[in-house]
Amino acid sequence: MDNLIAWVEIPSTDFERAVNFYSGLLETKLETIVCETEKMACLPGNVGYVFAAPDYRPSDQGVIVSLNVGKQLDSRILFVEANGGKIVVPKTKIQCEGRGWFALFTDTEGNRLGLYGEE
């Protein structure tokens, strides 16, 4: 087993808004797919989708998925704040030596996610 996390689906209620948010946050164009009542935007590295379907509901109380933004943590925090997201836990040093920094945010859809950086 190479990666513990096999797949991530980030629910959205406004698919285009969510795709624009994550395209900007990850600084890449997300390929979109529409299949009947489902819409998907592929995340980089084939790890999951931004997803819209009738039974998917964004939440700020569920499992936290953290996105690795490397040395760009500060600029990605600024991006979240400037593009409709909200930082709910500011940049915080992880207390284990050499583990980096994290921040938690809610996206434009109301999901709570994390940002992880090596700074």
N, C-alpha and C. Protein backbone atom coordinates (compact mmCIF):
# COMPACT_ATOMS: atom_id res chain seq x y z
N MET A 1 0.85 -1.17 0.00
CA MET A 1 0.00 0.00 0.00
C MET A 1 0.89 1.24 0.00
N ASP A 2 0.84 2.03 -1.09
CA ASP A 2 1.66 3.24 -1.21
C ASP A 2 1.07 4.43 -0.48
N ASN A 3 -0.23 4.66 -0.64
CA ASN A 3 -0.90 5.79 0.00
C ASN A 3 -2.06 5.28 0.83
N LEU A 4 -2.19 5.76 2.04
CA LEU A 4 -3.29 5.35 2.89
C LEU A 4 -4.62 5.87 2.35
N ILE A 5 -4.65 7.09 1.86
CA ILE A 5 -5.87 7.67 1.30
C ILE A 5 -5.96 7.26 -0.16
N ALA A 6 -7.04 6.56 -0.50
CA ALA A 6 -7.20 6.08 -1.88
C ALA A 6 -7.97 7.07 -2.74
N TRP A 7 -8.95 7.78 -2.15
CA TRP A 7 -9.82 8.63 -2.97
C TRP A 7 -10.48 9.68 -2.09
N VAL A 8 -10.71 10.85 -2.63
CA VAL A 8 -11.36 11.95 -1.93
C VAL A 8 -12.46 12.50 -2.83
N GLU A 9 -13.64 12.72 -2.27
CA GLU A 9 -14.70 13.41 -2.98
C GLU A 9 -15.11 14.62 -2.15
N ILE A 10 -14.97 15.81 -2.72
CA ILE A 10 -15.32 17.04 -2.03
C ILE A 10 -16.68 17.48 -2.56
N PRO A 11 -17.74 17.40 -1.73
CA PRO A 11 -19.07 17.74 -2.22
C PRO A 11 -19.23 19.24 -2.48
N SER A 12 -20.11 19.55 -3.44
CA SER A 12 -20.40 20.94 -3.75
C SER A 12 -21.89 21.11 -4.01
N THR A 13 -22.38 22.31 -3.75
CA THR A 13 -23.75 22.67 -4.12
C THR A 13 -23.75 23.57 -5.34
N ASP A 14 -22.71 24.39 -5.50
CA ASP A 14 -22.53 25.22 -6.69
C ASP A 14 -21.25 24.73 -7.37
N PHE A 15 -21.43 23.80 -8.28
CA PHE A 15 -20.30 23.08 -8.89
C PHE A 15 -19.30 24.04 -9.53
N GLU A 16 -19.76 24.98 -10.36
CA GLU A 16 -18.84 25.89 -11.05
C GLU A 16 -18.05 26.73 -10.06
N ARG A 17 -18.70 27.22 -9.03
CA ARG A 17 -18.00 28.01 -8.00
C ARG A 17 -16.93 27.17 -7.32
N ALA A 18 -17.26 25.92 -6.98
CA ALA A 18 -16.30 25.03 -6.33
C ALA A 18 -15.13 24.71 -7.26
N VAL A 19 -15.41 24.44 -8.52
CA VAL A 19 -14.34 24.15 -9.49
C VAL A 19 -13.42 25.36 -9.62
N ASN A 20 -13.98 26.54 -9.71
CA ASN A 20 -13.15 27.75 -9.80
C ASN A 20 -12.30 27.93 -8.55
N PHE A 21 -12.88 27.69 -7.38
CA PHE A 21 -12.15 27.82 -6.12
C PHE A 21 -10.96 26.86 -6.09
N TYR A 22 -11.19 25.58 -6.36
CA TYR A 22 -10.10 24.59 -6.27
C TYR A 22 -9.11 24.71 -7.42
N SER A 23 -9.55 25.14 -8.59
CA SER A 23 -8.60 25.40 -9.68
C SER A 23 -7.62 26.49 -9.27
N GLY A 24 -8.14 27.55 -8.66
CA GLY A 24 -7.29 28.63 -8.21
C GLY A 24 -6.42 28.23 -7.03
N LEU A 25 -7.01 27.54 -6.06
CA LEU A 25 -6.25 27.12 -4.88
C LEU A 25 -5.08 26.23 -5.26
N LEU A 26 -5.32 25.28 -6.16
CA LEU A 26 -4.28 24.32 -6.56
C LEU A 26 -3.48 24.79 -7.77
N GLU A 27 -3.83 25.98 -8.28
CA GLU A 27 -3.13 26.58 -9.41
C GLU A 27 -3.05 25.64 -10.61
N THR A 28 -4.19 25.03 -10.94
CA THR A 28 -4.26 24.14 -12.09
C THR A 28 -5.70 24.09 -12.60
N LYS A 29 -5.86 23.78 -13.85
CA LYS A 29 -7.21 23.63 -14.43
C LYS A 29 -7.70 22.22 -14.11
N LEU A 30 -8.91 22.13 -13.55
CA LEU A 30 -9.49 20.83 -13.24
C LEU A 30 -10.36 20.37 -14.40
N GLU A 31 -10.11 19.17 -14.89
CA GLU A 31 -10.92 18.59 -15.96
C GLU A 31 -12.28 18.22 -15.39
N THR A 32 -13.35 18.62 -16.09
CA THR A 32 -14.70 18.31 -15.60
C THR A 32 -15.35 17.24 -16.45
N ILE A 33 -16.21 16.45 -15.78
CA ILE A 33 -16.96 15.37 -16.41
C ILE A 33 -18.40 15.47 -15.92
N VAL A 34 -19.36 15.35 -16.84
CA VAL A 34 -20.77 15.35 -16.47
C VAL A 34 -21.37 14.02 -16.89
N CYS A 35 -21.99 13.33 -15.94
CA CYS A 35 -22.64 12.03 -16.19
C CYS A 35 -24.04 12.08 -15.60
N GLU A 36 -25.03 12.34 -16.45
CA GLU A 36 -26.43 12.45 -16.02
C GLU A 36 -26.58 13.47 -14.90
N THR A 37 -26.86 13.04 -13.65
CA THR A 37 -27.08 13.99 -12.55
C THR A 37 -25.82 14.26 -11.74
N GLU A 38 -24.69 13.69 -12.13
CA GLU A 38 -23.44 13.87 -11.40
C GLU A 38 -22.46 14.72 -12.21
N LYS A 39 -21.74 15.60 -11.49
CA LYS A 39 -20.69 16.41 -12.09
C LYS A 39 -19.43 16.18 -11.28
N MET A 40 -18.30 16.02 -11.98
CA MET A 40 -17.03 15.76 -11.32
C MET A 40 -15.94 16.63 -11.92
N ALA A 41 -15.05 17.12 -11.07
CA ALA A 41 -13.86 17.84 -11.52
C ALA A 41 -12.66 17.12 -10.91
N CYS A 42 -11.80 16.60 -11.76
CA CYS A 42 -10.70 15.74 -11.32
C CYS A 42 -9.63 16.54 -10.58
N LEU A 43 -9.26 16.07 -9.39
CA LEU A 43 -8.16 16.67 -8.63
C LEU A 43 -6.83 16.18 -9.20
N PRO A 44 -5.76 16.97 -9.08
CA PRO A 44 -4.45 16.55 -9.58
C PRO A 44 -4.00 15.24 -8.93
N GLY A 45 -3.28 14.44 -9.68
CA GLY A 45 -2.72 13.20 -9.15
C GLY A 45 -3.71 12.05 -9.07
N ASN A 46 -4.88 12.22 -9.68
CA ASN A 46 -5.88 11.15 -9.70
C ASN A 46 -6.23 10.67 -8.29
N VAL A 47 -6.46 11.65 -7.37
CA VAL A 47 -6.77 11.30 -5.98
C VAL A 47 -8.23 11.53 -5.62
N GLY A 48 -8.99 12.11 -6.54
CA GLY A 48 -10.40 12.35 -6.24
C GLY A 48 -11.01 13.42 -7.10
N TYR A 49 -12.19 13.87 -6.65
CA TYR A 49 -13.00 14.84 -7.40
C TYR A 49 -13.57 15.91 -6.49
N VAL A 50 -13.84 17.07 -7.07
CA VAL A 50 -14.86 17.96 -6.57
C VAL A 50 -16.12 17.41 -7.19
N PHE A 51 -17.17 17.20 -6.41
CA PHE A 51 -18.28 16.37 -6.84
C PHE A 51 -19.61 17.07 -6.59
N ALA A 52 -20.53 16.96 -7.52
CA ALA A 52 -21.90 17.46 -7.33
C ALA A 52 -22.87 16.36 -7.74
N ALA A 53 -23.76 16.02 -6.84
CA ALA A 53 -24.82 15.04 -7.08
C ALA A 53 -25.96 15.35 -6.13
N PRO A 54 -27.16 14.96 -6.46
CA PRO A 54 -28.31 15.31 -5.62
C PRO A 54 -28.18 14.91 -4.15
N ASP A 55 -27.52 13.81 -3.84
CA ASP A 55 -27.45 13.35 -2.45
C ASP A 55 -26.14 13.71 -1.75
N TYR A 56 -25.29 14.52 -2.35
CA TYR A 56 -24.04 14.95 -1.71
C TYR A 56 -24.26 16.30 -1.03
N ARG A 57 -23.87 16.41 0.23
CA ARG A 57 -24.06 17.62 1.01
C ARG A 57 -22.73 18.06 1.63
N PRO A 58 -22.29 19.28 1.33
CA PRO A 58 -21.10 19.80 2.00
C PRO A 58 -21.29 19.85 3.51
N SER A 59 -20.18 19.73 4.27
CA SER A 59 -20.25 19.77 5.72
C SER A 59 -18.96 20.35 6.29
N ASP A 60 -19.11 21.06 7.39
CA ASP A 60 -17.93 21.57 8.08
C ASP A 60 -17.64 20.77 9.35
N GLN A 61 -18.28 19.61 9.52
CA GLN A 61 -18.12 18.81 10.72
C GLN A 61 -17.64 17.38 10.44
N GLY A 62 -17.35 17.05 9.21
CA GLY A 62 -16.98 15.69 8.87
C GLY A 62 -15.47 15.45 8.90
N VAL A 63 -15.05 14.45 8.19
CA VAL A 63 -13.64 14.07 8.06
C VAL A 63 -12.86 15.24 7.46
N ILE A 64 -11.64 15.44 7.93
CA ILE A 64 -10.80 16.51 7.38
C ILE A 64 -9.78 15.92 6.42
N VAL A 65 -9.80 16.41 5.21
CA VAL A 65 -8.80 16.06 4.21
C VAL A 65 -7.86 17.26 4.10
N SER A 66 -6.55 17.03 4.17
CA SER A 66 -5.59 18.12 4.06
C SER A 66 -4.89 18.05 2.72
N LEU A 67 -4.77 19.21 2.09
CA LEU A 67 -4.10 19.33 0.80
C LEU A 67 -2.67 19.80 1.03
N ASN A 68 -1.71 19.08 0.46
CA ASN A 68 -0.30 19.42 0.62
C ASN A 68 0.05 20.54 -0.36
N VAL A 69 0.38 21.71 0.17
CA VAL A 69 0.72 22.85 -0.67
C VAL A 69 2.21 23.21 -0.57
N GLY A 70 2.98 22.31 0.01
CA GLY A 70 4.43 22.48 0.07
C GLY A 70 4.85 23.78 0.72
N LYS A 71 5.68 24.54 0.03
CA LYS A 71 6.23 25.79 0.57
C LYS A 71 5.32 26.98 0.29
N GLN A 72 4.11 26.76 -0.21
CA GLN A 72 3.21 27.86 -0.55
C GLN A 72 2.07 28.03 0.46
N LEU A 73 2.25 27.58 1.68
CA LEU A 73 1.16 27.64 2.66
C LEU A 73 0.65 29.06 2.86
N ASP A 74 1.54 30.02 3.04
CA ASP A 74 1.11 31.39 3.28
C ASP A 74 0.30 31.95 2.11
N SER A 75 0.76 31.73 0.89
CA SER A 75 0.03 32.26 -0.27
C SER A 75 -1.29 31.54 -0.47
N ARG A 76 -1.37 30.28 -0.13
CA ARG A 76 -2.62 29.52 -0.28
C ARG A 76 -3.64 29.95 0.79
N ILE A 77 -3.18 30.32 1.98
CA ILE A 77 -4.07 30.87 3.00
C ILE A 77 -4.66 32.19 2.51
N LEU A 78 -3.82 33.03 1.93
CA LEU A 78 -4.31 34.30 1.38
C LEU A 78 -5.30 34.05 0.25
N PHE A 79 -5.04 33.03 -0.57
CA PHE A 79 -5.97 32.70 -1.65
C PHE A 79 -7.34 32.33 -1.08
N VAL A 80 -7.38 31.46 -0.09
CA VAL A 80 -8.64 31.05 0.52
C VAL A 80 -9.42 32.28 0.98
N GLU A 81 -8.75 33.16 1.72
CA GLU A 81 -9.43 34.34 2.27
C GLU A 81 -9.93 35.28 1.18
N ALA A 82 -9.23 35.37 0.06
CA ALA A 82 -9.60 36.30 -1.00
C ALA A 82 -10.61 35.72 -1.99
N ASN A 83 -10.90 34.43 -1.88
CA ASN A 83 -11.73 33.79 -2.90
C ASN A 83 -12.95 33.06 -2.34
N GLY A 84 -13.50 33.56 -1.28
CA GLY A 84 -14.77 33.04 -0.77
C GLY A 84 -14.66 31.96 0.29
N GLY A 85 -13.46 31.54 0.63
CA GLY A 85 -13.27 30.59 1.71
C GLY A 85 -13.02 31.33 3.02
N LYS A 86 -12.88 30.58 4.09
CA LYS A 86 -12.63 31.19 5.40
C LYS A 86 -11.63 30.33 6.18
N ILE A 87 -10.60 30.96 6.69
CA ILE A 87 -9.64 30.25 7.54
C ILE A 87 -10.28 30.09 8.91
N VAL A 88 -10.41 28.83 9.39
CA VAL A 88 -11.03 28.59 10.70
C VAL A 88 -10.01 28.21 11.76
N VAL A 89 -8.85 27.73 11.36
CA VAL A 89 -7.70 27.55 12.25
C VAL A 89 -6.51 28.15 11.50
N PRO A 90 -5.90 29.20 12.04
CA PRO A 90 -4.80 29.86 11.34
C PRO A 90 -3.57 28.95 11.22
N LYS A 91 -2.61 29.41 10.46
CA LYS A 91 -1.36 28.67 10.29
C LYS A 91 -0.81 28.30 11.66
N THR A 92 -0.59 27.01 11.87
CA THR A 92 -0.20 26.48 13.17
C THR A 92 0.93 25.48 12.98
N LYS A 93 1.97 25.58 13.81
CA LYS A 93 3.07 24.62 13.75
C LYS A 93 2.61 23.30 14.34
N ILE A 94 2.88 22.22 13.63
CA ILE A 94 2.60 20.88 14.16
C ILE A 94 3.67 20.60 15.22
N GLN A 95 3.25 20.17 16.38
CA GLN A 95 4.13 20.08 17.54
C GLN A 95 5.19 18.98 17.47
N CYS A 96 5.05 18.03 16.57
CA CYS A 96 6.12 17.03 16.37
C CYS A 96 7.20 17.65 15.50
N GLU A 97 8.44 17.53 15.91
CA GLU A 97 9.56 18.13 15.20
C GLU A 97 9.60 17.66 13.74
N GLY A 98 9.79 18.61 12.83
CA GLY A 98 9.94 18.30 11.42
C GLY A 98 8.65 17.95 10.68
N ARG A 99 7.50 18.19 11.29
CA ARG A 99 6.22 17.83 10.67
C ARG A 99 5.55 18.98 9.93
N GLY A 100 6.10 20.19 9.99
CA GLY A 100 5.56 21.29 9.22
C GLY A 100 4.46 22.07 9.91
N TRP A 101 3.59 22.65 9.08
CA TRP A 101 2.56 23.57 9.52
C TRP A 101 1.23 23.17 8.88
N PHE A 102 0.13 23.61 9.49
CA PHE A 102 -1.18 23.37 8.89
C PHE A 102 -2.10 24.56 9.15
N ALA A 103 -3.17 24.62 8.39
CA ALA A 103 -4.28 25.56 8.63
C ALA A 103 -5.55 24.82 8.22
N LEU A 104 -6.66 25.17 8.84
CA LEU A 104 -7.95 24.61 8.44
C LEU A 104 -8.80 25.72 7.85
N PHE A 105 -9.59 25.37 6.83
CA PHE A 105 -10.44 26.35 6.18
C PHE A 105 -11.77 25.73 5.80
N THR A 106 -12.75 26.59 5.59
CA THR A 106 -13.98 26.15 4.93
C THR A 106 -13.94 26.70 3.52
N ASP A 107 -14.37 25.88 2.57
CA ASP A 107 -14.35 26.29 1.18
C ASP A 107 -15.62 27.05 0.82
N THR A 108 -15.79 27.36 -0.44
CA THR A 108 -16.95 28.12 -0.89
C THR A 108 -18.25 27.35 -0.72
N GLU A 109 -18.17 26.04 -0.52
CA GLU A 109 -19.36 25.21 -0.39
C GLU A 109 -19.71 24.90 1.06
N GLY A 110 -18.82 25.25 2.00
CA GLY A 110 -19.06 24.98 3.41
C GLY A 110 -18.34 23.75 3.94
N ASN A 111 -17.50 23.10 3.12
CA ASN A 111 -16.71 21.96 3.58
C ASN A 111 -15.51 22.45 4.38
N ARG A 112 -15.12 21.70 5.41
CA ARG A 112 -13.92 22.01 6.18
C ARG A 112 -12.79 21.11 5.66
N LEU A 113 -11.68 21.73 5.28
CA LEU A 113 -10.51 21.01 4.81
C LEU A 113 -9.27 21.59 5.46
N GLY A 114 -8.15 20.93 5.25
CA GLY A 114 -6.88 21.41 5.77
C GLY A 114 -5.91 21.75 4.66
N LEU A 115 -4.96 22.61 4.98
CA LEU A 115 -3.80 22.87 4.15
C LEU A 115 -2.59 22.44 4.95
N TYR A 116 -1.67 21.74 4.32
CA TYR A 116 -0.45 21.30 4.97
C TYR A 116 0.74 21.87 4.22
N GLY A 117 1.71 22.41 4.95
CA GLY A 117 2.90 22.97 4.33
C GLY A 117 4.16 22.62 5.08
N GLU A 118 5.28 22.70 4.38
CA GLU A 118 6.59 22.32 4.93
C GLU A 118 7.35 23.50 5.51
N GLU A 119 6.76 24.68 5.53
CA GLU A 119 7.48 25.89 5.95
C GLU A 119 7.93 25.82 7.37
